[in-house]
């Protein structure tokens, strides 16, 4: 999904390799339908998030002290990273791209969440 300006790890396109996180992105809930887009993602030289990056609008610099070294190609938020919400930590792995050309959608998976009785 494309993050709002206040996206936790920047204003990019968010991906995950965990279906439970994809379910959260889908907006579907009990008794409703939703969809996942299965995509190939090129992470290139990623930056590993160590906390929230809400002000990020483009890829982070490889070296903050030397901009000549260029920019990373993506951000990875691993489980356990502080998420800026008190003592809470990142639960799912998320990948953030700032260039949509780094993602190739392969298929759409439609699903329905059944109600349990």
Foldseek 3Di string as FASTA:
>chain_A
DQDDLQPFAGGFDKDFPDVVVQVVVQPADEQFKGKGFDKQFDQAFEAEDQEGDSNHQAAAAPDPVDNVNDGGFKYWYPFPRYRPPPRDTRHGIMIGGNDPVRMGTDDMGMDHHYDDD
